[in-house]
Amino acid sequence: MKDPYDVLGVARDAGQDDIRRAYRRLAKDHHPDLNPGNAAAEARFKEVSAAY
C-alpha cells in the first residue's frame, strides 16, 4: 500500500483539518458520479478513500 500522506498530498505533520480538506478536495475531483465511465478516476477515488 502506498503511503497515505503521499496519496493525499499532505505533510506527515499535517493536522487533521488539513488531511480532511485534502481528502475532500481529491474525493470531489475523482468521484465516480462526477466522472462517469472514467476507470482511472474511480481507481484514484478508491485509493484516496483507502488512504483517508
C-alpha atoms as a PDB file:
ATOM      1  CA  MET A   1       0.000   0.000   0.000  1.00  0.00           C
ATOM      2  CA  LYS A   2       1.182   3.493  -0.769  1.00  0.00           C
ATOM      3  CA  ASP A   3       1.922   5.973   1.975  1.00  0.00           C
ATOM      4  CA  PRO A   4      -1.389   7.651   2.917  1.00  0.00           C
ATOM      5  CA  TYR A   5       0.264  11.043   3.346  1.00  0.00           C
ATOM      6  CA  ASP A   6       1.691  10.865  -0.175  1.00  0.00           C
ATOM      7  CA  VAL A   7      -1.641   9.743  -1.632  1.00  0.00           C
ATOM      8  CA  LEU A   8      -3.414  12.691  -0.012  1.00  0.00           C
ATOM      9  CA  GLY A   9      -0.568  15.086  -0.821  1.00  0.00           C
ATOM     10  CA  VAL A  10      -0.069  16.308   2.741  1.00  0.00           C
ATOM     11  CA  ALA A  11       2.952  16.546   5.003  1.00  0.00           C
ATOM     12  CA  ARG A  12       3.490  13.939   7.706  1.00  0.00           C
ATOM     13  CA  ASP A  13       2.973  16.599  10.353  1.00  0.00           C
ATOM     14  CA  ALA A  14      -0.297  17.830   8.810  1.00  0.00           C
ATOM     15  CA  GLY A  15      -3.172  18.386  11.180  1.00  0.00           C
ATOM     16  CA  GLN A  16      -6.494  16.579  10.992  1.00  0.00           C
ATOM     17  CA  ASP A  17      -8.144  19.600   9.348  1.00  0.00           C
ATOM     18  CA  ASP A  18      -5.511  19.693   6.584  1.00  0.00           C
ATOM     19  CA  ILE A  19      -5.893  15.968   5.993  1.00  0.00           C
ATOM     20  CA  ARG A  20      -9.692  16.259   5.848  1.00  0.00           C
ATOM     21  CA  ARG A  21      -9.506  19.179   3.392  1.00  0.00           C
ATOM     22  CA  ALA A  22      -7.094  17.276   1.144  1.00  0.00           C
ATOM     23  CA  TYR A  23      -9.317  14.188   1.201  1.00  0.00           C
ATOM     24  CA  ARG A  24     -12.477  16.121   0.383  1.00  0.00           C
ATOM     25  CA  ARG A  25     -10.793  18.009  -2.464  1.00  0.00           C
ATOM     26  CA  LEU A  26      -9.407  14.824  -4.017  1.00  0.00           C
ATOM     27  CA  ALA A  27     -12.612  12.857  -3.443  1.00  0.00           C
ATOM     28  CA  LYS A  28     -14.636  15.554  -5.175  1.00  0.00           C
ATOM     29  CA  ASP A  29     -12.218  15.718  -8.117  1.00  0.00           C
ATOM     30  CA  HIS A  30     -12.198  11.944  -8.654  1.00  0.00           C
ATOM     31  CA  HIS A  31     -15.688  10.884  -7.528  1.00  0.00           C
ATOM     32  CA  PRO A  32     -17.207   8.317  -9.934  1.00  0.00           C
ATOM     33  CA  ASP A  33     -20.526  10.192 -10.061  1.00  0.00           C
ATOM     34  CA  LEU A  34     -18.720  13.259 -11.395  1.00  0.00           C
ATOM     35  CA  ASN A  35     -16.559  11.194 -13.782  1.00  0.00           C
ATOM     36  CA  PRO A  36     -18.889   8.559 -15.263  1.00  0.00           C
ATOM     37  CA  GLY A  37     -17.100   5.920 -17.293  1.00  0.00           C
ATOM     38  CA  ASN A  38     -13.646   7.058 -16.195  1.00  0.00           C
ATOM     39  CA  ALA A  39     -11.982   3.981 -14.698  1.00  0.00           C
ATOM     40  CA  ALA A  40      -8.825   5.906 -13.770  1.00  0.00           C
ATOM     41  CA  ALA A  41     -10.817   8.431 -11.738  1.00  0.00           C
ATOM     42  CA  GLU A  42     -12.669   5.618  -9.972  1.00  0.00           C
ATOM     43  CA  ALA A  43      -9.404   3.871  -9.110  1.00  0.00           C
ATOM     44  CA  ARG A  44      -7.920   7.108  -7.793  1.00  0.00           C
ATOM     45  CA  PHE A  45     -11.072   7.745  -5.734  1.00  0.00           C
ATOM     46  CA  LYS A  46     -10.733   4.306  -4.145  1.00  0.00           C
ATOM     47  CA  GLU A  47      -7.047   4.925  -3.444  1.00  0.00           C
ATOM     48  CA  VAL A  48      -7.792   8.294  -1.820  1.00  0.00           C
ATOM     49  CA  SER A  49     -10.631   6.813   0.232  1.00  0.00           C
ATOM     50  CA  ALA A  50      -8.428   3.991   1.489  1.00  0.00           C
ATOM     51  CA  ALA A  51      -5.703   6.458   2.439  1.00  0.00           C
ATOM     52  CA  TYR A  52      -8.108   8.612   4.422  1.00  0.00           C
END
